[in-house]
Amino acid sequence: MEISLDEKVKRWVEKEGYPLEFSTAHKFKKRRFSVEQSYFAKDENGKAREVDVLATANVPIGRSFLRIKHVVECKWSKDKPWVLFKDEKRFATSALAAQLISSSAGQAIAWAAAGNEEFKELGMFKGEGFSFSGRQAFSKGNDLFYQAVQGVVSNCLNITRFYDEYEFAPEDHMLAVITLPLIVIEGGLHEATYAPESDELQLNSINHARLRWKGNERRQLNTVIDVVTSDYLDTFLDTFLDTREKELEVLVSCFGEALQQLIKCFQEKTEKYLVVREGARGISGRPNLLRKLSKLSTPNKKLQTDASDDAPFS
């Protein structure tokens, strides 16, 4: 029996992932995020790159704002499951927080607040259980997995760089943007771990993985990416530990407090109001905005910190 043109179009639309994008956007909208589909962010060469779904939580703080953005890549892969490779490498919670892809103001507040004790209770900053790479099964070369991971990291970098292109005086207002990369796939997801006792790889079907990625040429640090199957996204948003919504409340509270401190520091040209929590950052030196603050500050109002640049893993 010949397939009708309408049915062919329907199958094409599904395979291109458009229903997945609509479904993903809807799931964020019903949780009160500000959502955009097919958002375009320009790269450093001015070329527009598409973001499938952008889900934003916006918090005004005076004339400044804190924005936490889920940058989402949606991929249809029913015919070729994804396999992620997991190891036992660990990271410090404070380093995971400090190394979020952020605007310059976002980097400053994430670095300052990174050692907050509350972060240790958040699933997004859990220091273990990472995959380090992956593949789309039955594919060769730079497959859909690689394209999706590189794409979502690049989009996070493009979005945060856009906010830094604004001319703004820190003592007047700041644009603190934090990105959380997420890949939603419609298809199978598997996790491969090495079993030394049998010298074999063990393969398990999963619905959520945390991938640490260091393969983007524009970024030297690790990026943590959540990879979630489409049928698990509701559960991920609702019951991931204490729910992603509650985790965002903690982020907003801690980062918002740091942003208020930073604003006051620039207004009074002092570092004394900025509280820097103890913990390894895995970053050499302070973010640029904090260096600028240090130059503005008078000698007797310099920042005292217990922050460490030690390596973020054990």
Foldseek 3Di string as FASTA:
>chain_A
DDDDPVVVVVVVCVQVPVVLLVLVQVLLVVVPWDKDAQDWFAFPVRDTDTQGMKTWDWADDPPAIEIEIAGEAEHEQAPWEKEFEFDWWWFALLQQQLPFLKALLQNQLSQQLSQPPVSCQDPSSGGGQATADMDTPPDDDCDPRNVRVLRQVSVSNRVNVVLVVDDDQLLVYYYIYTYAYEYEYAHWYWYWYADVVVRDIDIDTDFKHWYWYCPHPVDRHTHIYIYGYSVCVSVQQPPVPNHVVVVVVVVCVSSVCQSVQSNVLSNVLANQSHHGHEDANLDPDHRPVVVVSQVSHDPVRHDDDNYHPDHGID
